[in-house]
Amino acid sequence: MSDKVEQQMTPMIDIVFQLLTFFVMSFKIASQEGDFNIKMPLGFSPGGVTETQPIKVRLVAAKGGTLGEIRIGDRGLGTSFQALQNEVAAMAGADLEVEFDCDYDLHYNNVMNAISAV
């Protein structure tokens, strides 16, 4: 008499393939959020500071996270993204860098609209 218990492998393999099929069929590839074409600075040259100064854009939040004001340096542009686009286009040179300073409470869509305007 043999005390060896033989396991049936066929049901286990069936379950593994069913699980594999379920996960493969239910897998959804998420689109990338915030996929921008952003030109990042190359860094500092060994000689010191880079020649271009970034344009500093300040986005001020009003109560409730809405856009209160757009500022470039000391100048206020109101809340118009078109005015921001016109200002940046007037300043545009060969190497344009824009630095955004946004209030913490500002809604994300306002930041995205400002990036799109630039």
PDB file of N, CA and C in Angstrom:
ATOM      1  N   MET A   1       0.825  -1.158   0.000  1.00  0.00           N
ATOM      2  CA  MET A   1       0.000   0.000   0.000  1.00  0.00           C
ATOM      3  C   MET A   1       0.890   1.249   0.000  1.00  0.00           C
ATOM      4  N   SER A   2       0.542   2.210  -0.806  1.00  0.00           N
ATOM      5  CA  SER A   2       1.322   3.437  -0.968  1.00  0.00           C
ATOM      6  C   SER A   2       0.651   4.584  -0.223  1.00  0.00           C
ATOM      7  N   ASP A   3       1.462   5.332   0.561  1.00  0.00           N
ATOM      8  CA  ASP A   3       0.943   6.494   1.283  1.00  0.00           C
ATOM      9  C   ASP A   3       1.049   7.782   0.465  1.00  0.00           C
ATOM     10  N   LYS A   4       1.501   7.701  -0.727  1.00  0.00           N
ATOM     11  CA  LYS A   4       1.695   8.879  -1.578  1.00  0.00           C
ATOM     12  C   LYS A   4       0.353   9.352  -2.142  1.00  0.00           C
ATOM     13  N   VAL A   5       0.099  10.673  -1.977  1.00  0.00           N
ATOM     14  CA  VAL A   5      -1.132  11.267  -2.513  1.00  0.00           C
ATOM     15  C   VAL A   5      -0.750  12.030  -3.768  1.00  0.00           C
ATOM     16  N   GLU A   6      -1.403  11.729  -4.835  1.00  0.00           N
ATOM     17  CA  GLU A   6      -1.089  12.372  -6.114  1.00  0.00           C
ATOM     18  C   GLU A   6      -2.026  13.565  -6.317  1.00  0.00           C
ATOM     19  N   GLN A   7      -1.435  14.721  -6.584  1.00  0.00           N
ATOM     20  CA  GLN A   7      -2.242  15.924  -6.820  1.00  0.00           C
ATOM     21  C   GLN A   7      -2.618  16.006  -8.284  1.00  0.00           C
ATOM     22  N   GLN A   8      -3.824  16.463  -8.512  1.00  0.00           N
ATOM     23  CA  GLN A   8      -4.292  16.640  -9.875  1.00  0.00           C
ATOM     24  C   GLN A   8      -3.850  18.024 -10.355  1.00  0.00           C
ATOM     25  N   MET A   9      -2.990  18.072 -11.339  1.00  0.00           N
ATOM     26  CA  MET A   9      -2.443  19.337 -11.833  1.00  0.00           C
ATOM     27  C   MET A   9      -3.360  20.018 -12.851  1.00  0.00           C
ATOM     28  N   THR A  10      -4.188  19.283 -13.534  1.00  0.00           N
ATOM     29  CA  THR A  10      -5.040  19.862 -14.574  1.00  0.00           C
ATOM     30  C   THR A  10      -5.978  20.945 -14.031  1.00  0.00           C
ATOM     31  N   PRO A  11      -6.682  20.750 -12.932  1.00  0.00           N
ATOM     32  CA  PRO A  11      -7.543  21.824 -12.416  1.00  0.00           C
ATOM     33  C   PRO A  11      -6.752  23.069 -11.995  1.00  0.00           C
ATOM     34  N   MET A  12      -5.559  22.864 -11.443  1.00  0.00           N
ATOM     35  CA  MET A  12      -4.741  24.019 -11.048  1.00  0.00           C
ATOM     36  C   MET A  12      -4.297  24.823 -12.260  1.00  0.00           C
ATOM     37  N   ILE A  13      -3.894  24.140 -13.300  1.00  0.00           N
ATOM     38  CA  ILE A  13      -3.469  24.830 -14.519  1.00  0.00           C
ATOM     39  C   ILE A  13      -4.650  25.556 -15.146  1.00  0.00           C
ATOM     40  N   ASP A  14      -5.836  24.962 -15.129  1.00  0.00           N
ATOM     41  CA  ASP A  14      -7.030  25.627 -15.649  1.00  0.00           C
ATOM     42  C   ASP A  14      -7.319  26.925 -14.892  1.00  0.00           C
ATOM     43  N   ILE A  15      -7.214  26.891 -13.579  1.00  0.00           N
ATOM     44  CA  ILE A  15      -7.462  28.085 -12.765  1.00  0.00           C
ATOM     45  C   ILE A  15      -6.429  29.167 -13.076  1.00  0.00           C
ATOM     46  N   VAL A  16      -5.170  28.786 -13.197  1.00  0.00           N
ATOM     47  CA  VAL A  16      -4.109  29.759 -13.496  1.00  0.00           C
ATOM     48  C   VAL A  16      -4.370  30.425 -14.838  1.00  0.00           C
ATOM     49  N   PHE A  17      -4.743  29.643 -15.849  1.00  0.00           N
ATOM     50  CA  PHE A  17      -5.020  30.229 -17.157  1.00  0.00           C
ATOM     51  C   PHE A  17      -6.268  31.109 -17.131  1.00  0.00           C
ATOM     52  N   GLN A  18      -7.257  30.745 -16.351  1.00  0.00           N
ATOM     53  CA  GLN A  18      -8.449  31.594 -16.232  1.00  0.00           C
ATOM     54  C   GLN A  18      -8.107  32.922 -15.569  1.00  0.00           C
ATOM     55  N   LEU A  19      -7.303  32.879 -14.516  1.00  0.00           N
ATOM     56  CA  LEU A  19      -6.881  34.120 -13.858  1.00  0.00           C
ATOM     57  C   LEU A  19      -6.037  34.978 -14.801  1.00  0.00           C
ATOM     58  N   LEU A  20      -5.123  34.352 -15.501  1.00  0.00           N
ATOM     59  CA  LEU A  20      -4.295  35.076 -16.451  1.00  0.00           C
ATOM     60  C   LEU A  20      -5.147  35.724 -17.537  1.00  0.00           C
ATOM     61  N   THR A  21      -6.100  35.000 -18.068  1.00  0.00           N
ATOM     62  CA  THR A  21      -6.995  35.548 -19.092  1.00  0.00           C
ATOM     63  C   THR A  21      -7.813  36.702 -18.534  1.00  0.00           C
ATOM     64  N   PHE A  22      -8.314  36.565 -17.318  1.00  0.00           N
ATOM     65  CA  PHE A  22      -9.092  37.641 -16.707  1.00  0.00           C
ATOM     66  C   PHE A  22      -8.272  38.916 -16.579  1.00  0.00           C
ATOM     67  N   PHE A  23      -7.052  38.811 -16.056  1.00  0.00           N
ATOM     68  CA  PHE A  23      -6.235  40.003 -15.857  1.00  0.00           C
ATOM     69  C   PHE A  23      -5.783  40.618 -17.174  1.00  0.00           C
ATOM     70  N   VAL A  24      -5.492  39.805 -18.165  1.00  0.00           N
ATOM     71  CA  VAL A  24      -5.089  40.339 -19.468  1.00  0.00           C
ATOM     72  C   VAL A  24      -6.262  41.060 -20.133  1.00  0.00           C
ATOM     73  N   MET A  25      -7.447  40.483 -20.053  1.00  0.00           N
ATOM     74  CA  MET A  25      -8.618  41.085 -20.703  1.00  0.00           C
ATOM     75  C   MET A  25      -9.121  42.322 -19.967  1.00  0.00           C
ATOM     76  N   SER A  26      -8.924  42.398 -18.661  1.00  0.00           N
ATOM     77  CA  SER A  26      -9.432  43.548 -17.906  1.00  0.00           C
ATOM     78  C   SER A  26      -8.384  44.647 -17.722  1.00  0.00           C
ATOM     79  N   PHE A  27      -7.189  44.471 -18.217  1.00  0.00           N
ATOM     80  CA  PHE A  27      -6.121  45.460 -18.085  1.00  0.00           C
ATOM     81  C   PHE A  27      -6.391  46.636 -19.004  1.00  0.00           C
ATOM     82  N   LYS A  28      -6.410  47.834 -18.451  1.00  0.00           N
ATOM     83  CA  LYS A  28      -6.607  49.041 -19.240  1.00  0.00           C
ATOM     84  C   LYS A  28      -5.366  49.913 -19.097  1.00  0.00           C
ATOM     85  N   ILE A  29      -4.838  50.343 -20.217  1.00  0.00           N
ATOM     86  CA  ILE A  29      -3.657  51.197 -20.194  1.00  0.00           C
ATOM     87  C   ILE A  29      -4.123  52.629 -19.997  1.00  0.00           C
ATOM     88  N   ALA A  30      -3.683  53.252 -18.941  1.00  0.00           N
ATOM     89  CA  ALA A  30      -4.081  54.635 -18.645  1.00  0.00           C
ATOM     90  C   ALA A  30      -3.261  55.592 -19.497  1.00  0.00           C
ATOM     91  N   SER A  31      -3.946  56.618 -19.994  1.00  0.00           N
ATOM     92  CA  SER A  31      -3.212  57.629 -20.760  1.00  0.00           C
ATOM     93  C   SER A  31      -2.373  58.456 -19.797  1.00  0.00           C
ATOM     94  N   GLN A  32      -1.258  58.933 -20.282  1.00  0.00           N
ATOM     95  CA  GLN A  32      -0.364  59.695 -19.419  1.00  0.00           C
ATOM     96  C   GLN A  32      -0.979  61.041 -19.095  1.00  0.00           C
ATOM     97  N   GLU A  33      -0.944  61.420 -17.827  1.00  0.00           N
ATOM     98  CA  GLU A  33      -1.439  62.718 -17.420  1.00  0.00           C
ATOM     99  C   GLU A  33      -0.348  63.745 -17.596  1.00  0.00           C
ATOM    100  N   GLY A  34      -0.741  64.888 -18.086  1.00  0.00           N
ATOM    101  CA  GLY A  34       0.208  65.989 -18.192  1.00  0.00           C
ATOM    102  C   GLY A  34       1.357  65.697 -19.117  1.00  0.00           C
ATOM    103  N   ASP A  35       1.104  65.113 -20.258  1.00  0.00           N
ATOM    104  CA  ASP A  35       2.159  64.811 -21.214  1.00  0.00           C
ATOM    105  C   ASP A  35       2.439  66.071 -22.020  1.00  0.00           C
ATOM    106  N   PHE A  36       3.456  66.804 -21.646  1.00  0.00           N
ATOM    107  CA  PHE A  36       3.799  68.072 -22.291  1.00  0.00           C
ATOM    108  C   PHE A  36       5.101  67.912 -23.065  1.00  0.00           C
ATOM    109  N   ASN A  37       5.267  68.760 -24.017  1.00  0.00           N
ATOM    110  CA  ASN A  37       6.573  68.901 -24.645  1.00  0.00           C
ATOM    111  C   ASN A  37       7.220  70.126 -24.000  1.00  0.00           C
ATOM    112  N   ILE A  38       8.015  69.898 -22.990  1.00  0.00           N
ATOM    113  CA  ILE A  38       8.639  70.989 -22.245  1.00  0.00           C
ATOM    114  C   ILE A  38      10.129  70.979 -22.529  1.00  0.00           C
ATOM    115  N   LYS A  39      10.640  72.136 -22.881  1.00  0.00           N
ATOM    116  CA  LYS A  39      12.075  72.258 -23.118  1.00  0.00           C
ATOM    117  C   LYS A  39      12.740  72.589 -21.788  1.00  0.00           C
ATOM    118  N   MET A  40      13.443  71.633 -21.246  1.00  0.00           N
ATOM    119  CA  MET A  40      14.106  71.823 -19.966  1.00  0.00           C
ATOM    120  C   MET A  40      15.478  72.443 -20.194  1.00  0.00           C
ATOM    121  N   PRO A  41      15.945  73.250 -19.242  1.00  0.00           N
ATOM    122  CA  PRO A  41      17.272  73.845 -19.403  1.00  0.00           C
ATOM    123  C   PRO A  41      18.356  72.769 -19.372  1.00  0.00           C
ATOM    124  N   LEU A  42      19.412  73.018 -20.120  1.00  0.00           N
ATOM    125  CA  LEU A  42      20.499  72.052 -20.201  1.00  0.00           C
ATOM    126  C   LEU A  42      21.396  72.084 -18.981  1.00  0.00           C
ATOM    127  N   GLY A  43      21.348  73.137 -18.218  1.00  0.00           N
ATOM    128  CA  GLY A  43      22.187  73.243 -17.038  1.00  0.00           C
ATOM    129  C   GLY A  43      23.132  74.414 -17.168  1.00  0.00           C
ATOM    130  N   PHE A  44      23.996  74.556 -16.209  1.00  0.00           N
ATOM    131  CA  PHE A  44      24.937  75.658 -16.197  1.00  0.00           C
ATOM    132  C   PHE A  44      26.200  75.292 -16.958  1.00  0.00           C
ATOM    133  N   SER A  45      26.740  76.287 -17.619  1.00  0.00           N
ATOM    134  CA  SER A  45      28.014  76.076 -18.295  1.00  0.00           C
ATOM    135  C   SER A  45      29.126  76.132 -17.250  1.00  0.00           C
ATOM    136  N   PRO A  46      30.284  75.572 -17.540  1.00  0.00           N
ATOM    137  CA  PRO A  46      31.364  75.603 -16.558  1.00  0.00           C
ATOM    138  C   PRO A  46      31.780  77.026 -16.196  1.00  0.00           C
ATOM    139  N   GLY A  47      31.506  77.983 -17.082  1.00  0.00           N
ATOM    140  CA  GLY A  47      31.903  79.368 -16.830  1.00  0.00           C
ATOM    141  C   GLY A  47      31.049  80.074 -15.799  1.00  0.00           C
ATOM    142  N   GLY A  48      29.856  79.565 -15.498  1.00  0.00           N
ATOM    143  CA  GLY A  48      29.031  80.243 -14.499  1.00  0.00           C
ATOM    144  C   GLY A  48      27.564  80.245 -14.874  1.00  0.00           C
ATOM    145  N   VAL A  49      26.961  81.431 -14.812  1.00  0.00           N
ATOM    146  CA  VAL A  49      25.526  81.590 -14.942  1.00  0.00           C
ATOM    147  C   VAL A  49      25.114  81.587 -16.418  1.00  0.00           C
ATOM    148  N   THR A  50      23.912  81.045 -16.692  1.00  0.00           N
ATOM    149  CA  THR A  50      23.396  81.083 -18.047  1.00  0.00           C
ATOM    150  C   THR A  50      23.015  82.507 -18.412  1.00  0.00           C
ATOM    151  N   GLU A  51      22.931  82.802 -19.693  1.00  0.00           N
ATOM    152  CA  GLU A  51      22.706  84.169 -20.144  1.00  0.00           C
ATOM    153  C   GLU A  51      21.252  84.602 -20.065  1.00  0.00           C
ATOM    154  N   THR A  52      20.298  83.704 -20.230  1.00  0.00           N
ATOM    155  CA  THR A  52      18.896  84.099 -20.233  1.00  0.00           C
ATOM    156  C   THR A  52      18.312  84.003 -18.831  1.00  0.00           C
ATOM    157  N   GLN A  53      17.540  85.012 -18.487  1.00  0.00           N
ATOM    158  CA  GLN A  53      16.820  85.006 -17.217  1.00  0.00           C
ATOM    159  C   GLN A  53      15.408  84.511 -17.488  1.00  0.00           C
ATOM    160  N   PRO A  54      14.874  83.657 -16.637  1.00  0.00           N
ATOM    161  CA  PRO A  54      13.509  83.171 -16.881  1.00  0.00           C
ATOM    162  C   PRO A  54      12.475  84.272 -16.654  1.00  0.00           C
ATOM    163  N   ILE A  55      11.387  84.191 -17.405  1.00  0.00           N
ATOM    164  CA  ILE A  55      10.251  85.082 -17.196  1.00  0.00           C
ATOM    165  C   ILE A  55       9.475  84.495 -16.024  1.00  0.00           C
ATOM    166  N   LYS A  56       9.271  85.296 -14.987  1.00  0.00           N
ATOM    167  CA  LYS A  56       8.592  84.808 -13.790  1.00  0.00           C
ATOM    168  C   LYS A  56       7.118  85.185 -13.868  1.00  0.00           C
ATOM    169  N   VAL A  57       6.273  84.152 -13.925  1.00  0.00           N
ATOM    170  CA  VAL A  57       4.824  84.342 -13.982  1.00  0.00           C
ATOM    171  C   VAL A  57       4.247  83.913 -12.649  1.00  0.00           C
ATOM    172  N   ARG A  58       3.516  84.814 -12.020  1.00  0.00           N
ATOM    173  CA  ARG A  58       2.896  84.531 -10.723  1.00  0.00           C
ATOM    174  C   ARG A  58       1.401  84.400 -10.920  1.00  0.00           C
ATOM    175  N   LEU A  59       0.845  83.285 -10.461  1.00  0.00           N
ATOM    176  CA  LEU A  59      -0.594  83.061 -10.509  1.00  0.00           C
ATOM    177  C   LEU A  59      -1.135  83.141  -9.089  1.00  0.00           C
ATOM    178  N   VAL A  60      -1.947  84.166  -8.848  1.00  0.00           N
ATOM    179  CA  VAL A  60      -2.476  84.435  -7.510  1.00  0.00           C
ATOM    180  C   VAL A  60      -3.884  83.856  -7.418  1.00  0.00           C
ATOM    181  N   ALA A  61      -4.141  83.129  -6.365  1.00  0.00           N
ATOM    182  CA  ALA A  61      -5.455  82.509  -6.168  1.00  0.00           C
ATOM    183  C   ALA A  61      -6.374  83.458  -5.418  1.00  0.00           C
ATOM    184  N   ALA A  62      -7.623  83.495  -5.852  1.00  0.00           N
ATOM    185  CA  ALA A  62      -8.654  84.224  -5.130  1.00  0.00           C
ATOM    186  C   ALA A  62      -9.342  83.242  -4.181  1.00  0.00           C
ATOM    187  N   LYS A  63     -10.360  83.720  -3.504  1.00  0.00           N
ATOM    188  CA  LYS A  63     -11.075  82.855  -2.563  1.00  0.00           C
ATOM    189  C   LYS A  63     -11.721  81.695  -3.307  1.00  0.00           C
ATOM    190  N   GLY A  64     -11.603  80.503  -2.794  1.00  0.00           N
ATOM    191  CA  GLY A  64     -12.198  79.327  -3.402  1.00  0.00           C
ATOM    192  C   GLY A  64     -11.328  78.676  -4.463  1.00  0.00           C
ATOM    193  N   GLY A  65     -10.098  79.149  -4.658  1.00  0.00           N
ATOM    194  CA  GLY A  65      -9.195  78.525  -5.609  1.00  0.00           C
ATOM    195  C   GLY A  65      -9.301  79.037  -7.035  1.00  0.00           C
ATOM    196  N   THR A  66     -10.169  80.031  -7.268  1.00  0.00           N
ATOM    197  CA  THR A  66     -10.262  80.600  -8.610  1.00  0.00           C
ATOM    198  C   THR A  66      -9.078  81.520  -8.852  1.00  0.00           C
ATOM    199  N   LEU A  67      -8.870  81.871 -10.108  1.00  0.00           N
ATOM    200  CA  LEU A  67      -7.740  82.721 -10.471  1.00  0.00           C
ATOM    201  C   LEU A  67      -8.044  84.167 -10.103  1.00  0.00           C
ATOM    202  N   GLY A  68      -7.202  84.761  -9.267  1.00  0.00           N
ATOM    203  CA  GLY A  68      -7.385  86.148  -8.851  1.00  0.00           C
ATOM    204  C   GLY A  68      -6.629  87.113  -9.738  1.00  0.00           C
ATOM    205  N   GLU A  69      -5.378  86.757 -10.095  1.00  0.00           N
ATOM    206  CA  GLU A  69      -4.564  87.663 -10.902  1.00  0.00           C
ATOM    207  C   GLU A  69      -3.385  86.902 -11.499  1.00  0.00           C
ATOM    208  N   ILE A  70      -2.979  87.360 -12.680  1.00  0.00           N
ATOM    209  CA  ILE A  70      -1.764  86.873 -13.327  1.00  0.00           C
ATOM    210  C   ILE A  70      -0.775  88.028 -13.305  1.00  0.00           C
ATOM    211  N   ARG A  71       0.439  87.756 -12.844  1.00  0.00           N
ATOM    212  CA  ARG A  71       1.457  88.797 -12.772  1.00  0.00           C
ATOM    213  C   ARG A  71       2.722  88.323 -13.474  1.00  0.00           C
ATOM    214  N   ILE A  72       3.331  89.218 -14.227  1.00  0.00           N
ATOM    215  CA  ILE A  72       4.662  88.984 -14.798  1.00  0.00           C
ATOM    216  C   ILE A  72       5.559  90.042 -14.174  1.00  0.00           C
ATOM    217  N   GLY A  73       6.439  89.606 -13.316  1.00  0.00           N
ATOM    218  CA  GLY A  73       7.278  90.553 -12.592  1.00  0.00           C
ATOM    219  C   GLY A  73       6.407  91.428 -11.699  1.00  0.00           C
ATOM    220  N   ASP A  74       6.466  92.744 -11.922  1.00  0.00           N
ATOM    221  CA  ASP A  74       5.664  93.690 -11.137  1.00  0.00           C
ATOM    222  C   ASP A  74       4.359  94.052 -11.823  1.00  0.00           C
ATOM    223  N   ARG A  75       4.184  93.640 -13.068  1.00  0.00           N
ATOM    224  CA  ARG A  75       2.994  94.029 -13.824  1.00  0.00           C
ATOM    225  C   ARG A  75       1.870  93.019 -13.644  1.00  0.00           C
ATOM    226  N   GLY A  76       0.682  93.543 -13.402  1.00  0.00           N
ATOM    227  CA  GLY A  76      -0.506  92.706 -13.311  1.00  0.00           C
ATOM    228  C   GLY A  76      -1.198  92.629 -14.664  1.00  0.00           C
ATOM    229  N   LEU A  77      -1.653  91.454 -15.030  1.00  0.00           N
ATOM    230  CA  LEU A  77      -2.325  91.254 -16.314  1.00  0.00           C
ATOM    231  C   LEU A  77      -3.797  90.926 -16.140  1.00  0.00           C
ATOM    232  N   GLY A  78      -4.327  91.050 -14.948  1.00  0.00           N
ATOM    233  CA  GLY A  78      -5.713  90.672 -14.704  1.00  0.00           C
ATOM    234  C   GLY A  78      -5.838  89.164 -14.647  1.00  0.00           C
ATOM    235  N   THR A  79      -6.911  88.637 -15.221  1.00  0.00           N
ATOM    236  CA  THR A  79      -7.115  87.187 -15.220  1.00  0.00           C
ATOM    237  C   THR A  79      -7.174  86.626 -16.636  1.00  0.00           C
ATOM    238  N   SER A  80      -6.692  87.375 -17.606  1.00  0.00           N
ATOM    239  CA  SER A  80      -6.786  86.966 -19.006  1.00  0.00           C
ATOM    240  C   SER A  80      -5.566  86.143 -19.419  1.00  0.00           C
ATOM    241  N   PHE A  81      -5.820  84.921 -19.854  1.00  0.00           N
ATOM    242  CA  PHE A  81      -4.741  84.079 -20.366  1.00  0.00           C
ATOM    243  C   PHE A  81      -4.273  84.576 -21.733  1.00  0.00           C
ATOM    244  N   GLN A  82      -5.166  85.242 -22.462  1.00  0.00           N
ATOM    245  CA  GLN A  82      -4.777  85.825 -23.751  1.00  0.00           C
ATOM    246  C   GLN A  82      -3.758  86.944 -23.531  1.00  0.00           C
ATOM    247  N   ALA A  83      -3.938  87.751 -22.489  1.00  0.00           N
ATOM    248  CA  ALA A  83      -2.973  88.804 -22.165  1.00  0.00           C
ATOM    249  C   ALA A  83      -1.630  88.189 -21.796  1.00  0.00           C
ATOM    250  N   LEU A  84      -1.642  87.076 -21.070  1.00  0.00           N
ATOM    251  CA  LEU A  84      -0.406  86.371 -20.731  1.00  0.00           C
ATOM    252  C   LEU A  84       0.278  85.882 -21.998  1.00  0.00           C
ATOM    253  N   GLN A  85      -0.482  85.313 -22.902  1.00  0.00           N
ATOM    254  CA  GLN A  85       0.085  84.822 -24.154  1.00  0.00           C
ATOM    255  C   GLN A  85       0.694  85.962 -24.966  1.00  0.00           C
ATOM    256  N   ASN A  86       0.020  87.101 -25.022  1.00  0.00           N
ATOM    257  CA  ASN A  86       0.531  88.253 -25.768  1.00  0.00           C
ATOM    258  C   ASN A  86       1.814  88.802 -25.137  1.00  0.00           C
ATOM    259  N   GLU A  87       1.860  88.875 -23.814  1.00  0.00           N
ATOM    260  CA  GLU A  87       3.055  89.376 -23.115  1.00  0.00           C
ATOM    261  C   GLU A  87       4.253  88.473 -23.363  1.00  0.00           C
ATOM    262  N   VAL A  88       4.050  87.176 -23.225  1.00  0.00           N
ATOM    263  CA  VAL A  88       5.157  86.241 -23.407  1.00  0.00           C
ATOM    264  C   VAL A  88       5.611  86.248 -24.865  1.00  0.00           C
ATOM    265  N   ALA A  89       4.675  86.358 -25.794  1.00  0.00           N
ATOM    266  CA  ALA A  89       5.034  86.412 -27.216  1.00  0.00           C
ATOM    267  C   ALA A  89       5.849  87.667 -27.514  1.00  0.00           C
ATOM    268  N   ALA A  90       5.540  88.780 -26.845  1.00  0.00           N
ATOM    269  CA  ALA A  90       6.295  90.011 -27.053  1.00  0.00           C
ATOM    270  C   ALA A  90       7.710  89.896 -26.494  1.00  0.00           C
ATOM    271  N   MET A  91       7.903  89.114 -25.436  1.00  0.00           N
ATOM    272  CA  MET A  91       9.221  88.947 -24.809  1.00  0.00           C
ATOM    273  C   MET A  91      10.031  87.825 -25.439  1.00  0.00           C
ATOM    274  N   ALA A  92       9.398  86.997 -26.251  1.00  0.00           N
ATOM    275  CA  ALA A  92      10.011  85.761 -26.726  1.00  0.00           C
ATOM    276  C   ALA A  92      11.315  86.023 -27.463  1.00  0.00           C
ATOM    277  N   GLY A  93      12.319  85.280 -27.055  1.00  0.00           N
ATOM    278  CA  GLY A  93      13.610  85.311 -27.721  1.00  0.00           C
ATOM    279  C   GLY A  93      13.953  83.909 -28.184  1.00  0.00           C
ATOM    280  N   ALA A  94      15.206  83.693 -28.476  1.00  0.00           N
ATOM    281  CA  ALA A  94      15.634  82.371 -28.941  1.00  0.00           C
ATOM    282  C   ALA A  94      15.539  81.337 -27.816  1.00  0.00           C
ATOM    283  N   ASP A  95      16.015  81.704 -26.632  1.00  0.00           N
ATOM    284  CA  ASP A  95      15.977  80.796 -25.487  1.00  0.00           C
ATOM    285  C   ASP A  95      15.010  81.353 -24.455  1.00  0.00           C
ATOM    286  N   LEU A  96      13.789  80.890 -24.511  1.00  0.00           N
ATOM    287  CA  LEU A  96      12.749  81.388 -23.626  1.00  0.00           C
ATOM    288  C   LEU A  96      12.523  80.400 -22.491  1.00  0.00           C
ATOM    289  N   GLU A  97      12.613  80.897 -21.267  1.00  0.00           N
ATOM    290  CA  GLU A  97      12.304  80.091 -20.092  1.00  0.00           C
ATOM    291  C   GLU A  97      11.246  80.816 -19.299  1.00  0.00           C
ATOM    292  N   VAL A  98      10.224  80.083 -18.879  1.00  0.00           N
ATOM    293  CA  VAL A  98       9.149  80.650 -18.075  1.00  0.00           C
ATOM    294  C   VAL A  98       9.089  79.875 -16.773  1.00  0.00           C
ATOM    295  N   GLU A  99       9.067  80.609 -15.682  1.00  0.00           N
ATOM    296  CA  GLU A  99       8.998  80.007 -14.350  1.00  0.00           C
ATOM    297  C   GLU A  99       7.663  80.396 -13.734  1.00  0.00           C
ATOM    298  N   PHE A 100       6.874  79.400 -13.333  1.00  0.00           N
ATOM    299  CA  PHE A 100       5.559  79.651 -12.741  1.00  0.00           C
ATOM    300  C   PHE A 100       5.649  79.580 -11.224  1.00  0.00           C
ATOM    301  N   ASP A 101       5.044  80.560 -10.572  1.00  0.00           N
ATOM    302  CA  ASP A 101       4.909  80.576  -9.125  1.00  0.00           C
ATOM    303  C   ASP A 101       3.417  80.634  -8.842  1.00  0.00           C
ATOM    304  N   CYS A 102       2.852  79.532  -8.384  1.00  0.00           N
ATOM    305  CA  CYS A 102       1.405  79.420  -8.220  1.00  0.00           C
ATOM    306  C   CYS A 102       1.057  79.302  -6.744  1.00  0.00           C
ATOM    307  N   ASP A 103      -0.034  79.948  -6.357  1.00  0.00           N
ATOM    308  CA  ASP A 103      -0.523  79.792  -4.995  1.00  0.00           C
ATOM    309  C   ASP A 103      -0.967  78.362  -4.762  1.00  0.00           C
ATOM    310  N   TYR A 104      -0.855  77.930  -3.533  1.00  0.00           N
ATOM    311  CA  TYR A 104      -1.165  76.544  -3.181  1.00  0.00           C
ATOM    312  C   TYR A 104      -2.635  76.215  -3.425  1.00  0.00           C
ATOM    313  N   ASP A 105      -3.531  77.164  -3.175  1.00  0.00           N
ATOM    314  CA  ASP A 105      -4.964  76.914  -3.271  1.00  0.00           C
ATOM    315  C   ASP A 105      -5.515  77.042  -4.689  1.00  0.00           C
ATOM    316  N   LEU A 106      -4.690  77.413  -5.646  1.00  0.00           N
ATOM    317  CA  LEU A 106      -5.156  77.639  -7.008  1.00  0.00           C
ATOM    318  C   LEU A 106      -5.589  76.325  -7.652  1.00  0.00           C
ATOM    319  N   HIS A 107      -6.725  76.370  -8.344  1.00  0.00           N
ATOM    320  CA  HIS A 107      -7.214  75.167  -9.030  1.00  0.00           C
ATOM    321  C   HIS A 107      -6.261  74.768 -10.147  1.00  0.00           C
ATOM    322  N   TYR A 108      -6.144  73.476 -10.350  1.00  0.00           N
ATOM    323  CA  TYR A 108      -5.196  72.903 -11.308  1.00  0.00           C
ATOM    324  C   TYR A 108      -5.488  73.352 -12.735  1.00  0.00           C
ATOM    325  N   ASN A 109      -6.768  73.513 -13.097  1.00  0.00           N
ATOM    326  CA  ASN A 109      -7.094  73.894 -14.476  1.00  0.00           C
ATOM    327  C   ASN A 109      -6.563  75.287 -14.813  1.00  0.00           C
ATOM    328  N   ASN A 110      -6.445  76.169 -13.836  1.00  0.00           N
ATOM    329  CA  ASN A 110      -5.874  77.500 -14.090  1.00  0.00           C
ATOM    330  C   ASN A 110      -4.378  77.405 -14.403  1.00  0.00           C
ATOM    331  N   VAL A 111      -3.699  76.523 -13.708  1.00  0.00           N
ATOM    332  CA  VAL A 111      -2.266  76.323 -13.975  1.00  0.00           C
ATOM    333  C   VAL A 111      -2.078  75.762 -15.380  1.00  0.00           C
ATOM    334  N   MET A 112      -2.911  74.787 -15.751  1.00  0.00           N
ATOM    335  CA  MET A 112      -2.813  74.183 -17.077  1.00  0.00           C
ATOM    336  C   MET A 112      -3.138  75.203 -18.174  1.00  0.00           C
ATOM    337  N   ASN A 113      -4.119  76.069 -17.940  1.00  0.00           N
ATOM    338  CA  ASN A 113      -4.441  77.106 -18.925  1.00  0.00           C
ATOM    339  C   ASN A 113      -3.289  78.084 -19.088  1.00  0.00           C
ATOM    340  N   ALA A 114      -2.614  78.400 -17.999  1.00  0.00           N
ATOM    341  CA  ALA A 114      -1.456  79.308 -18.082  1.00  0.00           C
ATOM    342  C   ALA A 114      -0.309  78.649 -18.851  1.00  0.00           C
ATOM    343  N   ILE A 115      -0.062  77.375 -18.593  1.00  0.00           N
ATOM    344  CA  ILE A 115       0.997  76.664 -19.329  1.00  0.00           C
ATOM    345  C   ILE A 115       0.640  76.602 -20.804  1.00  0.00           C
ATOM    346  N   SER A 116      -0.614  76.357 -21.117  1.00  0.00           N
ATOM    347  CA  SER A 116      -1.058  76.307 -22.522  1.00  0.00           C
ATOM    348  C   SER A 116      -0.913  77.667 -23.184  1.00  0.00           C
ATOM    349  N   ALA A 117      -1.175  78.728 -22.457  1.00  0.00           N
ATOM    350  CA  ALA A 117      -1.055  80.073 -23.025  1.00  0.00           C
ATOM    351  C   ALA A 117       0.388  80.408 -23.345  1.00  0.00           C
ATOM    352  N   VAL A 118       1.313  79.909 -22.546  1.00  0.00           N
ATOM    353  CA  VAL A 118       2.742  80.172 -22.788  1.00  0.00           C
ATOM    354  C   VAL A 118       3.215  79.289 -23.912  1.00  0.00           C
TER     355      VAL A 118
END
